[in-house]
PDB file of N, CA and C in Angstrom:
ATOM      1  N   UNK A   1     -70.210 -32.751  72.798  1.00  0.00           N
ATOM      2  CA  UNK A   1     -69.901 -32.753  71.465  1.00  0.00           C
ATOM      3  C   UNK A   1     -69.350 -34.362  71.274  1.00  0.00           C
ATOM      4  N   UNK A   2     -70.165 -34.603  70.182  1.00  0.00           N
ATOM      5  CA  UNK A   2     -69.947 -36.300  69.904  1.00  0.00           C
ATOM      6  C   UNK A   2     -68.840 -36.551  68.974  1.00  0.00           C
ATOM      7  N   UNK A   3     -68.153 -37.540  68.661  1.00  0.00           N
ATOM      8  CA  UNK A   3     -67.283 -37.921  67.873  1.00  0.00           C
ATOM      9  C   UNK A   3     -67.326 -38.998  67.225  1.00  0.00           C
ATOM     10  N   UNK A   4     -67.426 -39.235  66.053  1.00  0.00           N
ATOM     11  CA  UNK A   4     -67.508 -40.541  65.534  1.00  0.00           C
ATOM     12  C   UNK A   4     -66.336 -40.971  64.504  1.00  0.00           C
ATOM     13  N   UNK A   5     -66.284 -42.273  64.406  1.00  0.00           N
ATOM     14  CA  UNK A   5     -65.019 -42.815  64.032  1.00  0.00           C
ATOM     15  C   UNK A   5     -65.460 -43.629  62.580  1.00  0.00           C
ATOM     16  N   UNK A   6     -64.509 -43.403  61.607  1.00  0.00           N
ATOM     17  CA  UNK A   6     -64.799 -43.972  60.364  1.00  0.00           C
ATOM     18  C   UNK A   6     -63.717 -44.798  59.958  1.00  0.00           C
ATOM     19  N   UNK A   7     -63.831 -46.163  59.758  1.00  0.00           N
ATOM     20  CA  UNK A   7     -62.945 -47.168  59.294  1.00  0.00           C
ATOM     21  C   UNK A   7     -63.046 -47.200  57.940  1.00  0.00           C
ATOM     22  N   UNK A   8     -61.774 -47.532  57.307  1.00  0.00           N
ATOM     23  CA  UNK A   8     -61.900 -47.787  55.817  1.00  0.00           C
ATOM     24  C   UNK A   8     -61.181 -49.223  55.708  1.00  0.00           C
ATOM     25  N   UNK A   9     -61.095 -49.898  54.544  1.00  0.00           N
ATOM     26  CA  UNK A   9     -60.607 -51.148  54.467  1.00  0.00           C
ATOM     27  C   UNK A   9     -59.009 -51.384  54.705  1.00  0.00           C
ATOM     28  N   UNK A  10     -58.335 -49.983  54.492  1.00  0.00           N
ATOM     29  CA  UNK A  10     -57.161 -50.303  54.845  1.00  0.00           C
ATOM     30  C   UNK A  10     -56.608 -49.651  56.175  1.00  0.00           C
ATOM     31  N   UNK A  11     -57.485 -49.693  57.088  1.00  0.00           N
ATOM     32  CA  UNK A  11     -57.279 -49.629  58.539  1.00  0.00           C
ATOM     33  C   UNK A  11     -56.809 -48.057  58.925  1.00  0.00           C
ATOM     34  N   UNK A  12     -57.203 -47.227  57.949  1.00  0.00           N
ATOM     35  CA  UNK A  12     -57.010 -45.785  58.344  1.00  0.00           C
ATOM     36  C   UNK A  12     -58.197 -45.383  59.146  1.00  0.00           C
ATOM     37  N   UNK A  13     -57.834 -44.425  60.209  1.00  0.00           N
ATOM     38  CA  UNK A  13     -59.116 -43.870  60.959  1.00  0.00           C
ATOM     39  C   UNK A  13     -59.140 -42.351  60.719  1.00  0.00           C
ATOM     40  N   UNK A  14     -60.506 -42.106  60.503  1.00  0.00           N
ATOM     41  CA  UNK A  14     -60.697 -40.822  60.246  1.00  0.00           C
ATOM     42  C   UNK A  14     -61.760 -40.368  61.424  1.00  0.00           C
ATOM     43  N   UNK A  15     -61.174 -39.282  62.167  1.00  0.00           N
ATOM     44  CA  UNK A  15     -62.115 -38.988  63.295  1.00  0.00           C
ATOM     45  C   UNK A  15     -62.969 -37.684  62.967  1.00  0.00           C
ATOM     46  N   UNK A  16     -64.333 -37.906  62.897  1.00  0.00           N
ATOM     47  CA  UNK A  16     -65.051 -36.697  62.547  1.00  0.00           C
ATOM     48  C   UNK A  16     -66.039 -36.240  63.604  1.00  0.00           C
ATOM     49  N   UNK A  17     -66.612 -35.159  63.416  1.00  0.00           N
ATOM     50  CA  UNK A  17     -67.770 -34.587  64.237  1.00  0.00           C
ATOM     51  C   UNK A  17     -68.936 -35.269  63.821  1.00  0.00           C
ATOM     52  N   UNK A  18     -70.118 -35.343  64.448  1.00  0.00           N
ATOM     53  CA  UNK A  18     -71.223 -35.822  64.014  1.00  0.00           C
ATOM     54  C   UNK A  18     -71.677 -35.439  63.011  1.00  0.00           C
ATOM     55  N   UNK A  19     -71.704 -34.090  62.607  1.00  0.00           N
ATOM     56  CA  UNK A  19     -72.014 -33.498  61.266  1.00  0.00           C
ATOM     57  C   UNK A  19     -71.369 -34.011  60.202  1.00  0.00           C
ATOM     58  N   UNK A  20     -69.953 -33.921  60.412  1.00  0.00           N
ATOM     59  CA  UNK A  20     -69.110 -34.360  59.136  1.00  0.00           C
ATOM     60  C   UNK A  20     -69.339 -35.901  58.763  1.00  0.00           C
ATOM     61  N   UNK A  21     -69.676 -36.732  60.070  1.00  0.00           N
ATOM     62  CA  UNK A  21     -69.923 -37.904  59.750  1.00  0.00           C
ATOM     63  C   UNK A  21     -71.089 -38.201  58.970  1.00  0.00           C
ATOM     64  N   UNK A  22     -72.260 -37.483  59.071  1.00  0.00           N
ATOM     65  CA  UNK A  22     -73.540 -37.643  58.342  1.00  0.00           C
ATOM     66  C   UNK A  22     -73.165 -37.137  57.050  1.00  0.00           C
ATOM     67  N   UNK A  23     -72.376 -36.170  56.768  1.00  0.00           N
ATOM     68  CA  UNK A  23     -72.243 -35.412  55.540  1.00  0.00           C
ATOM     69  C   UNK A  23     -71.422 -36.196  54.554  1.00  0.00           C
ATOM     70  N   UNK A  24     -70.543 -37.121  55.423  1.00  0.00           N
ATOM     71  CA  UNK A  24     -69.599 -38.095  54.551  1.00  0.00           C
ATOM     72  C   UNK A  24     -70.089 -38.832  53.554  1.00  0.00           C
ATOM     73  N   UNK A  25     -71.194 -39.579  54.079  1.00  0.00           N
ATOM     74  CA  UNK A  25     -72.097 -40.435  53.080  1.00  0.00           C
ATOM     75  C   UNK A  25     -72.661 -40.046  51.967  1.00  0.00           C
ATOM     76  N   UNK A  26     -72.347 -38.510  51.809  1.00  0.00           N
ATOM     77  CA  UNK A  26     -72.780 -38.177  50.476  1.00  0.00           C
ATOM     78  C   UNK A  26     -71.565 -37.783  49.355  1.00  0.00           C
ATOM     79  N   UNK A  27     -70.463 -37.816  50.143  1.00  0.00           N
ATOM     80  CA  UNK A  27     -69.246 -37.696  49.500  1.00  0.00           C
ATOM     81  C   UNK A  27     -68.882 -38.574  48.506  1.00  0.00           C
ATOM     82  N   UNK A  28     -68.771 -38.151  47.060  1.00  0.00           N
ATOM     83  CA  UNK A  28     -68.324 -39.215  45.866  1.00  0.00           C
ATOM     84  C   UNK A  28     -66.787 -39.761  46.061  1.00  0.00           C
ATOM     85  N   UNK A  29     -66.791 -40.910  45.860  1.00  0.00           N
ATOM     86  CA  UNK A  29     -65.175 -41.402  45.643  1.00  0.00           C
ATOM     87  C   UNK A  29     -64.535 -41.073  44.713  1.00  0.00           C
ATOM     88  N   UNK A  30     -63.365 -40.616  44.577  1.00  0.00           N
ATOM     89  CA  UNK A  30     -62.673 -39.936  43.432  1.00  0.00           C
ATOM     90  C   UNK A  30     -62.257 -41.415  42.578  1.00  0.00           C
ATOM     91  N   UNK A  31     -62.413 -41.713  41.319  1.00  0.00           N
ATOM     92  CA  UNK A  31     -62.189 -42.675  40.407  1.00  0.00           C
ATOM     93  C   UNK A  31     -60.747 -42.515  39.902  1.00  0.00           C
ATOM     94  N   UNK A  32     -59.785 -43.620  40.173  1.00  0.00           N
ATOM     95  CA  UNK A  32     -58.511 -43.114  39.637  1.00  0.00           C
ATOM     96  C   UNK A  32     -58.497 -43.282  38.038  1.00  0.00           C
ATOM     97  N   UNK A  33     -57.973 -42.341  37.493  1.00  0.00           N
ATOM     98  CA  UNK A  33     -57.734 -42.426  35.790  1.00  0.00           C
ATOM     99  C   UNK A  33     -56.709 -43.196  35.356  1.00  0.00           C
ATOM    100  N   UNK A  34     -57.202 -44.240  34.491  1.00  0.00           N
ATOM    101  CA  UNK A  34     -56.433 -44.956  33.870  1.00  0.00           C
ATOM    102  C   UNK A  34     -55.256 -44.415  33.218  1.00  0.00           C
ATOM    103  N   UNK A  35     -53.967 -44.220  33.652  1.00  0.00           N
ATOM    104  CA  UNK A  35     -52.989 -43.498  32.901  1.00  0.00           C
ATOM    105  C   UNK A  35     -51.939 -44.516  32.074  1.00  0.00           C
ATOM    106  N   UNK A  36     -51.991 -45.649  32.157  1.00  0.00           N
ATOM    107  CA  UNK A  36     -51.287 -46.751  31.367  1.00  0.00           C
ATOM    108  C   UNK A  36     -51.272 -46.197  29.848  1.00  0.00           C
ATOM    109  N   UNK A  37     -52.094 -45.813  29.312  1.00  0.00           N
ATOM    110  CA  UNK A  37     -52.287 -45.623  27.801  1.00  0.00           C
ATOM    111  C   UNK A  37     -51.860 -44.070  27.408  1.00  0.00           C
ATOM    112  N   UNK A  38     -51.474 -43.174  28.282  1.00  0.00           N
ATOM    113  CA  UNK A  38     -51.167 -41.848  28.235  1.00  0.00           C
ATOM    114  C   UNK A  38     -50.147 -41.481  29.001  1.00  0.00           C
ATOM    115  N   UNK A  39     -49.361 -40.473  28.413  1.00  0.00           N
ATOM    116  CA  UNK A  39     -47.899 -40.067  28.895  1.00  0.00           C
ATOM    117  C   UNK A  39     -48.108 -38.740  29.216  1.00  0.00           C
ATOM    118  N   UNK A  40     -48.040 -38.195  30.490  1.00  0.00           N
ATOM    119  CA  UNK A  40     -48.321 -36.853  30.771  1.00  0.00           C
ATOM    120  C   UNK A  40     -46.901 -36.101  31.289  1.00  0.00           C
ATOM    121  N   UNK A  41     -46.923 -34.943  31.363  1.00  0.00           N
ATOM    122  CA  UNK A  41     -45.594 -34.393  31.826  1.00  0.00           C
ATOM    123  C   UNK A  41     -45.752 -34.306  33.479  1.00  0.00           C
ATOM    124  N   UNK A  42     -44.622 -34.788  34.031  1.00  0.00           N
ATOM    125  CA  UNK A  42     -44.772 -34.802  35.405  1.00  0.00           C
ATOM    126  C   UNK A  42     -44.250 -33.599  35.939  1.00  0.00           C
ATOM    127  N   UNK A  43     -43.995 -32.563  35.018  1.00  0.00           N
ATOM    128  CA  UNK A  43     -43.096 -31.433  35.753  1.00  0.00           C
ATOM    129  C   UNK A  43     -42.995 -30.330  34.306  1.00  0.00           C
ATOM    130  N   UNK A  44     -42.999 -28.819  34.751  1.00  0.00           N
ATOM    131  CA  UNK A  44     -43.152 -27.925  33.554  1.00  0.00           C
ATOM    132  C   UNK A  44     -41.474 -28.194  33.213  1.00  0.00           C
ATOM    133  N   UNK A  45     -41.285 -27.996  31.777  1.00  0.00           N
ATOM    134  CA  UNK A  45     -40.200 -28.082  31.421  1.00  0.00           C
ATOM    135  C   UNK A  45     -40.034 -27.822  29.583  1.00  0.00           C
ATOM    136  N   UNK A  46     -38.890 -28.277  29.014  1.00  0.00           N
ATOM    137  CA  UNK A  46     -38.932 -27.986  27.666  1.00  0.00           C
ATOM    138  C   UNK A  46     -38.619 -29.484  27.133  1.00  0.00           C
ATOM    139  N   UNK A  47     -39.483 -29.871  26.185  1.00  0.00           N
ATOM    140  CA  UNK A  47     -39.225 -31.200  25.643  1.00  0.00           C
ATOM    141  C   UNK A  47     -38.171 -31.107  24.484  1.00  0.00           C
ATOM    142  N   UNK A  48     -37.071 -31.986  25.054  1.00  0.00           N
ATOM    143  CA  UNK A  48     -35.954 -31.924  24.410  1.00  0.00           C
ATOM    144  C   UNK A  48     -36.000 -32.966  22.905  1.00  0.00           C
ATOM    145  N   UNK A  49     -36.481 -34.154  23.167  1.00  0.00           N
ATOM    146  CA  UNK A  49     -36.442 -35.034  22.115  1.00  0.00           C
ATOM    147  C   UNK A  49     -37.848 -35.869  22.386  1.00  0.00           C
ATOM    148  N   UNK A  50     -38.322 -36.120  20.982  1.00  0.00           N
ATOM    149  CA  UNK A  50     -39.511 -37.412  20.969  1.00  0.00           C
ATOM    150  C   UNK A  50     -39.008 -38.336  20.285  1.00  0.00           C
ATOM    151  N   UNK A  51     -38.878 -39.486  20.689  1.00  0.00           N
ATOM    152  CA  UNK A  51     -38.534 -40.840  20.014  1.00  0.00           C
ATOM    153  C   UNK A  51     -39.301 -41.702  19.327  1.00  0.00           C
ATOM    154  N   UNK A  52     -40.802 -41.449  19.288  1.00  0.00           N
ATOM    155  CA  UNK A  52     -41.910 -41.916  18.641  1.00  0.00           C
ATOM    156  C   UNK A  52     -42.614 -41.338  17.672  1.00  0.00           C
ATOM    157  N   UNK A  53     -43.356 -41.657  16.962  1.00  0.00           N
ATOM    158  CA  UNK A  53     -44.561 -41.088  15.987  1.00  0.00           C
ATOM    159  C   UNK A  53     -45.601 -41.789  15.818  1.00  0.00           C
ATOM    160  N   UNK A  54     -46.819 -41.306  15.597  1.00  0.00           N
ATOM    161  CA  UNK A  54     -47.877 -42.091  15.346  1.00  0.00           C
ATOM    162  C   UNK A  54     -47.756 -43.458  14.500  1.00  0.00           C
ATOM    163  N   UNK A  55     -48.456 -44.454  15.154  1.00  0.00           N
ATOM    164  CA  UNK A  55     -48.332 -45.538  14.296  1.00  0.00           C
ATOM    165  C   UNK A  55     -46.899 -46.645  14.852  1.00  0.00           C
ATOM    166  N   UNK A  56     -46.096 -45.965  15.607  1.00  0.00           N
ATOM    167  CA  UNK A  56     -44.887 -46.640  16.046  1.00  0.00           C
ATOM    168  C   UNK A  56     -45.502 -47.713  17.090  1.00  0.00           C
ATOM    169  N   UNK A  57     -44.965 -48.796  17.075  1.00  0.00           N
ATOM    170  CA  UNK A  57     -45.078 -49.671  18.478  1.00  0.00           C
ATOM    171  C   UNK A  57     -44.103 -49.614  19.599  1.00  0.00           C
ATOM    172  N   UNK A  58     -44.467 -49.400  20.779  1.00  0.00           N
ATOM    173  CA  UNK A  58     -43.557 -49.256  21.782  1.00  0.00           C
ATOM    174  C   UNK A  58     -43.657 -50.496  22.789  1.00  0.00           C
ATOM    175  N   UNK A  59     -42.613 -50.807  23.522  1.00  0.00           N
ATOM    176  CA  UNK A  59     -42.706 -51.778  24.622  1.00  0.00           C
ATOM    177  C   UNK A  59     -42.837 -51.005  25.945  1.00  0.00           C
ATOM    178  N   UNK A  60     -43.059 -51.643  26.831  1.00  0.00           N
ATOM    179  CA  UNK A  60     -43.269 -51.144  28.407  1.00  0.00           C
ATOM    180  C   UNK A  60     -41.818 -50.673  28.771  1.00  0.00           C
ATOM    181  N   UNK A  61     -41.846 -49.536  29.160  1.00  0.00           N
ATOM    182  CA  UNK A  61     -40.431 -49.263  29.810  1.00  0.00           C
ATOM    183  C   UNK A  61     -39.493 -48.263  28.606  1.00  0.00           C
ATOM    184  N   UNK A  62     -39.883 -48.366  27.534  1.00  0.00           N
ATOM    185  CA  UNK A  62     -39.230 -47.771  26.399  1.00  0.00           C
ATOM    186  C   UNK A  62     -39.277 -46.529  26.345  1.00  0.00           C
ATOM    187  N   UNK A  63     -38.189 -45.621  26.052  1.00  0.00           N
ATOM    188  CA  UNK A  63     -38.006 -44.315  26.152  1.00  0.00           C
ATOM    189  C   UNK A  63     -38.791 -43.616  25.201  1.00  0.00           C
ATOM    190  N   UNK A  64     -39.906 -42.718  25.422  1.00  0.00           N
ATOM    191  CA  UNK A  64     -40.738 -42.103  24.599  1.00  0.00           C
ATOM    192  C   UNK A  64     -40.309 -40.461  24.492  1.00  0.00           C
ATOM    193  N   UNK A  65     -40.062 -39.828  25.320  1.00  0.00           N
ATOM    194  CA  UNK A  65     -39.244 -38.386  25.366  1.00  0.00           C
ATOM    195  C   UNK A  65     -38.766 -38.129  26.333  1.00  0.00           C
ATOM    196  N   UNK A  66     -37.915 -36.921  25.925  1.00  0.00           N
ATOM    197  CA  UNK A  66     -36.743 -36.627  27.160  1.00  0.00           C
ATOM    198  C   UNK A  66     -37.276 -35.009  27.612  1.00  0.00           C
ATOM    199  N   UNK A  67     -37.592 -34.797  28.662  1.00  0.00           N
ATOM    200  CA  UNK A  67     -37.875 -33.467  29.113  1.00  0.00           C
ATOM    201  C   UNK A  67     -36.871 -32.789  29.949  1.00  0.00           C
ATOM    202  N   UNK A  68     -36.323 -31.504  29.673  1.00  0.00           N
ATOM    203  CA  UNK A  68     -35.345 -30.794  30.464  1.00  0.00           C
ATOM    204  C   UNK A  68     -35.903 -29.895  31.444  1.00  0.00           C
ATOM    205  N   UNK A  69     -35.941 -30.134  32.744  1.00  0.00           N
ATOM    206  CA  UNK A  69     -36.203 -29.418  33.662  1.00  0.00           C
ATOM    207  C   UNK A  69     -35.299 -28.927  34.659  1.00  0.00           C
ATOM    208  N   UNK A  70     -35.137 -27.886  35.278  1.00  0.00           N
ATOM    209  CA  UNK A  70     -33.995 -27.384  36.224  1.00  0.00           C
ATOM    210  C   UNK A  70     -32.851 -27.875  35.663  1.00  0.00           C
ATOM    211  N   UNK A  71     -32.560 -27.800  34.531  1.00  0.00           N
ATOM    212  CA  UNK A  71     -31.031 -28.186  33.905  1.00  0.00           C
ATOM    213  C   UNK A  71     -30.728 -29.868  34.148  1.00  0.00           C
ATOM    214  N   UNK A  72     -31.686 -30.476  34.172  1.00  0.00           N
ATOM    215  CA  UNK A  72     -31.650 -31.856  34.168  1.00  0.00           C
ATOM    216  C   UNK A  72     -32.593 -32.479  33.088  1.00  0.00           C
ATOM    217  N   UNK A  73     -32.168 -33.584  32.433  1.00  0.00           N
ATOM    218  CA  UNK A  73     -32.966 -34.240  31.554  1.00  0.00           C
ATOM    219  C   UNK A  73     -33.750 -35.389  32.235  1.00  0.00           C
ATOM    220  N   UNK A  74     -35.031 -35.613  31.978  1.00  0.00           N
ATOM    221  CA  UNK A  74     -35.787 -36.674  32.488  1.00  0.00           C
ATOM    222  C   UNK A  74     -36.368 -37.406  31.205  1.00  0.00           C
ATOM    223  N   UNK A  75     -35.982 -38.766  31.370  1.00  0.00           N
ATOM    224  CA  UNK A  75     -36.699 -39.654  30.360  1.00  0.00           C
ATOM    225  C   UNK A  75     -37.720 -40.206  30.609  1.00  0.00           C
ATOM    226  N   UNK A  76     -38.875 -39.942  29.672  1.00  0.00           N
ATOM    227  CA  UNK A  76     -40.207 -40.627  30.014  1.00  0.00           C
ATOM    228  C   UNK A  76     -40.406 -41.967  29.190  1.00  0.00           C
ATOM    229  N   UNK A  77     -40.872 -42.792  30.003  1.00  0.00           N
ATOM    230  CA  UNK A  77     -41.029 -44.148  29.293  1.00  0.00           C
ATOM    231  C   UNK A  77     -42.573 -44.555  29.203  1.00  0.00           C
ATOM    232  N   UNK A  78     -42.845 -45.310  28.328  1.00  0.00           N
ATOM    233  CA  UNK A  78     -44.001 -46.195  28.015  1.00  0.00           C
ATOM    234  C   UNK A  78     -44.491 -46.937  29.315  1.00  0.00           C
ATOM    235  N   UNK A  79     -45.933 -46.574  29.747  1.00  0.00           N
ATOM    236  CA  UNK A  79     -46.317 -47.324  30.847  1.00  0.00           C
ATOM    237  C   UNK A  79     -46.826 -49.032  30.465  1.00  0.00           C
ATOM    238  N   UNK A  80     -46.970 -49.188  29.227  1.00  0.00           N
ATOM    239  CA  UNK A  80     -47.468 -50.337  28.571  1.00  0.00           C
ATOM    240  C   UNK A  80     -46.953 -50.573  27.092  1.00  0.00           C
ATOM    241  N   UNK A  81     -46.955 -51.594  26.837  1.00  0.00           N
ATOM    242  CA  UNK A  81     -46.547 -51.896  25.430  1.00  0.00           C
ATOM    243  C   UNK A  81     -47.785 -51.788  24.598  1.00  0.00           C
ATOM    244  N   UNK A  82     -47.789 -50.978  23.447  1.00  0.00           N
ATOM    245  CA  UNK A  82     -48.957 -50.562  22.435  1.00  0.00           C
ATOM    246  C   UNK A  82     -48.582 -49.701  21.420  1.00  0.00           C
ATOM    247  N   UNK A  83     -49.448 -49.398  20.685  1.00  0.00           N
ATOM    248  CA  UNK A  83     -49.031 -48.776  19.402  1.00  0.00           C
ATOM    249  C   UNK A  83     -49.414 -47.262  19.452  1.00  0.00           C
ATOM    250  N   UNK A  84     -48.448 -46.467  19.260  1.00  0.00           N
ATOM    251  CA  UNK A  84     -48.755 -44.722  19.424  1.00  0.00           C
ATOM    252  C   UNK A  84     -50.071 -44.400  18.442  1.00  0.00           C
ATOM    253  N   UNK A  85     -50.777 -43.773  19.330  1.00  0.00           N
ATOM    254  CA  UNK A  85     -52.227 -43.201  18.565  1.00  0.00           C
ATOM    255  C   UNK A  85     -51.886 -41.856  18.367  1.00  0.00           C
ATOM    256  N   UNK A  86     -51.316 -40.949  19.050  1.00  0.00           N
ATOM    257  CA  UNK A  86     -50.900 -39.521  18.681  1.00  0.00           C
ATOM    258  C   UNK A  86     -50.140 -38.791  19.557  1.00  0.00           C
ATOM    259  N   UNK A  87     -49.336 -38.127  18.987  1.00  0.00           N
ATOM    260  CA  UNK A  87     -48.437 -37.101  19.776  1.00  0.00           C
ATOM    261  C   UNK A  87     -48.584 -35.672  19.774  1.00  0.00           C
ATOM    262  N   UNK A  88     -48.723 -35.295  21.110  1.00  0.00           N
ATOM    263  CA  UNK A  88     -49.180 -33.725  21.127  1.00  0.00           C
ATOM    264  C   UNK A  88     -48.417 -32.814  21.224  1.00  0.00           C
ATOM    265  N   UNK A  89     -47.225 -32.875  21.128  1.00  0.00           N
ATOM    266  CA  UNK A  89     -46.170 -32.073  21.173  1.00  0.00           C
ATOM    267  C   UNK A  89     -45.138 -32.291  20.029  1.00  0.00           C
ATOM    268  N   UNK A  90     -44.137 -31.249  19.933  1.00  0.00           N
ATOM    269  CA  UNK A  90     -42.882 -31.701  19.341  1.00  0.00           C
ATOM    270  C   UNK A  90     -41.386 -31.217  19.998  1.00  0.00           C
ATOM    271  N   UNK A  91     -40.354 -31.509  19.615  1.00  0.00           N
ATOM    272  CA  UNK A  91     -39.232 -31.121  20.353  1.00  0.00           C
ATOM    273  C   UNK A  91     -39.236 -29.354  20.232  1.00  0.00           C
ATOM    274  N   UNK A  92     -38.791 -29.058  21.307  1.00  0.00           N
ATOM    275  CA  UNK A  92     -38.580 -27.695  21.434  1.00  0.00           C
ATOM    276  C   UNK A  92     -39.844 -26.778  22.301  1.00  0.00           C
ATOM    277  N   UNK A  93     -40.799 -27.580  22.432  1.00  0.00           N
ATOM    278  CA  UNK A  93     -42.114 -27.285  22.997  1.00  0.00           C
ATOM    279  C   UNK A  93     -41.880 -27.036  24.577  1.00  0.00           C
ATOM    280  N   UNK A  94     -42.561 -25.930  25.267  1.00  0.00           N
ATOM    281  CA  UNK A  94     -42.290 -25.910  26.596  1.00  0.00           C
ATOM    282  C   UNK A  94     -43.806 -26.624  26.961  1.00  0.00           C
ATOM    283  N   UNK A  95     -43.497 -27.351  28.032  1.00  0.00           N
ATOM    284  CA  UNK A  95     -44.804 -28.060  28.520  1.00  0.00           C
ATOM    285  C   UNK A  95     -45.061 -27.804  30.066  1.00  0.00           C
ATOM    286  N   UNK A  96     -46.232 -27.810  30.524  1.00  0.00           N
ATOM    287  CA  UNK A  96     -46.422 -27.425  31.823  1.00  0.00           C
ATOM    288  C   UNK A  96     -46.753 -28.970  32.527  1.00  0.00           C
ATOM    289  N   UNK A  97     -46.667 -28.972  33.867  1.00  0.00           N
ATOM    290  CA  UNK A  97     -46.956 -30.103  34.702  1.00  0.00           C
ATOM    291  C   UNK A  97     -48.641 -30.746  34.328  1.00  0.00           C
ATOM    292  N   UNK A  98     -48.687 -31.989  34.017  1.00  0.00           N
ATOM    293  CA  UNK A  98     -49.898 -32.686  33.232  1.00  0.00           C
ATOM    294  C   UNK A  98     -50.333 -32.486  31.944  1.00  0.00           C
ATOM    295  N   UNK A  99     -49.401 -31.901  31.278  1.00  0.00           N
ATOM    296  CA  UNK A  99     -49.744 -31.696  29.750  1.00  0.00           C
ATOM    297  C   UNK A  99     -49.929 -32.974  29.177  1.00  0.00           C
ATOM    298  N   UNK A 100     -50.820 -33.295  28.436  1.00  0.00           N
ATOM    299  CA  UNK A 100     -50.677 -34.614  27.545  1.00  0.00           C
ATOM    300  C   UNK A 100     -49.658 -34.722  26.760  1.00  0.00           C
ATOM    301  N   UNK A 101     -48.733 -35.514  26.515  1.00  0.00           N
ATOM    302  CA  UNK A 101     -47.542 -35.585  25.421  1.00  0.00           C
ATOM    303  C   UNK A 101     -48.013 -36.714  24.290  1.00  0.00           C
ATOM    304  N   UNK A 102     -48.190 -37.917  25.170  1.00  0.00           N
ATOM    305  CA  UNK A 102     -48.313 -38.955  24.066  1.00  0.00           C
ATOM    306  C   UNK A 102     -49.610 -39.820  24.265  1.00  0.00           C
ATOM    307  N   UNK A 103     -50.641 -40.363  23.361  1.00  0.00           N
ATOM    308  CA  UNK A 103     -51.355 -41.530  23.578  1.00  0.00           C
ATOM    309  C   UNK A 103     -51.151 -42.557  23.193  1.00  0.00           C
ATOM    310  N   UNK A 104     -51.353 -43.617  23.828  1.00  0.00           N
ATOM    311  CA  UNK A 104     -51.402 -45.099  23.313  1.00  0.00           C
ATOM    312  C   UNK A 104     -52.547 -45.602  22.893  1.00  0.00           C
ATOM    313  N   UNK A 105     -52.784 -46.748  21.769  1.00  0.00           N
ATOM    314  CA  UNK A 105     -54.030 -47.305  21.685  1.00  0.00           C
ATOM    315  C   UNK A 105     -54.242 -48.402  22.578  1.00  0.00           C
TER     316      UNK A 105
END
Protein backbone atom coordinates (compact mmCIF):
# COMPACT_ATOMS: atom_id res chain seq x y z
CA UNK A 1 0.00 0.00 0.00
CA UNK A 2 1.41 3.35 -1.05
CA UNK A 3 0.76 6.56 0.86
CA UNK A 4 1.01 9.97 -0.79
CA UNK A 5 1.64 13.18 1.09
CA UNK A 6 -0.14 16.39 0.13
CA UNK A 7 1.25 19.71 1.42
CA UNK A 8 -0.78 22.91 1.31
CA UNK A 9 0.60 26.45 1.52
CA UNK A 10 -0.12 26.62 5.24
CA UNK A 11 2.08 23.57 5.94
CA UNK A 12 -0.79 21.28 6.80
CA UNK A 13 -0.02 17.67 6.02
CA UNK A 14 -2.68 15.42 4.49
CA UNK A 15 -1.87 11.71 4.41
CA UNK A 16 -3.77 10.05 1.57
CA UNK A 17 -3.84 6.67 -0.07
CA UNK A 18 -2.81 6.52 -3.72
CA UNK A 19 -6.46 6.40 -4.87
CA UNK A 20 -7.46 9.30 -2.61
CA UNK A 21 -4.50 11.37 -3.88
CA UNK A 22 -5.55 10.75 -7.49
CA UNK A 23 -9.17 11.66 -6.79
CA UNK A 24 -8.21 14.70 -4.71
CA UNK A 25 -7.29 16.67 -7.86
CA UNK A 26 -10.97 16.57 -8.90
CA UNK A 27 -12.19 18.12 -5.63
CA UNK A 28 -13.35 21.72 -5.94
CA UNK A 29 -12.13 24.30 -3.44
CA UNK A 30 -14.92 25.81 -1.37
CA UNK A 31 -15.07 29.54 -2.00
CA UNK A 32 -15.59 31.54 1.19
CA UNK A 33 -18.78 33.62 1.21
CA UNK A 34 -18.36 37.37 1.69
CA UNK A 35 -20.44 37.91 4.82
CA UNK A 36 -19.41 41.51 5.48
CA UNK A 37 -22.60 42.91 3.91
CA UNK A 38 -25.07 40.47 5.50
CA UNK A 39 -25.99 39.59 9.05
CA UNK A 40 -27.03 36.00 9.77
CA UNK A 41 -28.28 34.57 13.02
CA UNK A 42 -25.42 32.71 14.76
CA UNK A 43 -27.84 30.55 16.77
CA UNK A 44 -31.53 29.73 17.14
CA UNK A 45 -33.43 32.16 19.33
CA UNK A 46 -35.98 34.96 19.54
CA UNK A 47 -35.31 38.36 17.99
CA UNK A 48 -35.82 40.79 20.89
CA UNK A 49 -35.10 44.09 19.12
CA UNK A 50 -34.04 45.51 15.77
CA UNK A 51 -32.30 48.89 15.85
CA UNK A 52 -32.28 49.64 12.10
CA UNK A 53 -34.66 49.99 9.16
CA UNK A 54 -34.05 50.06 5.40
CA UNK A 55 -32.23 53.24 4.36
CA UNK A 56 -30.42 53.74 7.69
CA UNK A 57 -26.64 54.24 7.70
CA UNK A 58 -24.71 51.96 10.08
CA UNK A 59 -21.10 52.06 11.21
CA UNK A 60 -18.86 49.03 11.63
CA UNK A 61 -19.50 47.55 15.07
CA UNK A 62 -22.85 49.31 15.54
CA UNK A 63 -25.58 47.18 17.15
CA UNK A 64 -28.15 46.05 14.58
CA UNK A 65 -30.30 43.66 16.60
CA UNK A 66 -30.51 41.61 19.79
CA UNK A 67 -31.22 37.87 19.86
CA UNK A 68 -32.25 36.04 23.02
CA UNK A 69 -31.02 32.46 23.16
CA UNK A 70 -30.81 30.19 26.21
CA UNK A 71 -31.93 33.05 28.51
CA UNK A 72 -29.06 35.29 27.34
CA UNK A 73 -29.28 38.35 25.12
CA UNK A 74 -26.73 38.50 22.29
CA UNK A 75 -26.04 41.78 20.51
CA UNK A 76 -25.44 41.43 16.74
CA UNK A 77 -23.29 44.15 15.17
CA UNK A 78 -22.55 45.39 11.64
CA UNK A 79 -19.49 43.89 9.94
CA UNK A 80 -18.84 47.04 7.90
CA UNK A 81 -20.04 50.60 7.42
CA UNK A 82 -22.90 50.90 4.95
CA UNK A 83 -26.54 51.57 4.20
CA UNK A 84 -29.22 49.07 5.26
CA UNK A 85 -30.64 47.49 2.10
CA UNK A 86 -33.31 45.29 3.69
CA UNK A 87 -34.46 43.83 7.01
CA UNK A 88 -35.77 40.26 6.77
CA UNK A 89 -37.36 39.91 10.21
CA UNK A 90 -39.13 41.80 12.98
CA UNK A 91 -38.99 41.88 16.76
CA UNK A 92 -40.57 38.79 18.29
CA UNK A 93 -39.68 36.48 15.38
CA UNK A 94 -38.12 33.11 16.10
CA UNK A 95 -34.96 32.67 14.04
CA UNK A 96 -32.83 29.63 13.30
CA UNK A 97 -29.09 29.31 12.96
CA UNK A 98 -27.96 30.87 9.67
CA UNK A 99 -31.22 32.77 8.98
CA UNK A 100 -30.68 36.03 7.08
CA UNK A 101 -31.55 38.99 9.30
CA UNK A 102 -30.24 42.17 7.63
CA UNK A 103 -28.55 43.05 4.31
CA UNK A 104 -26.28 46.05 3.73
CA UNK A 105 -25.56 47.69 0.37
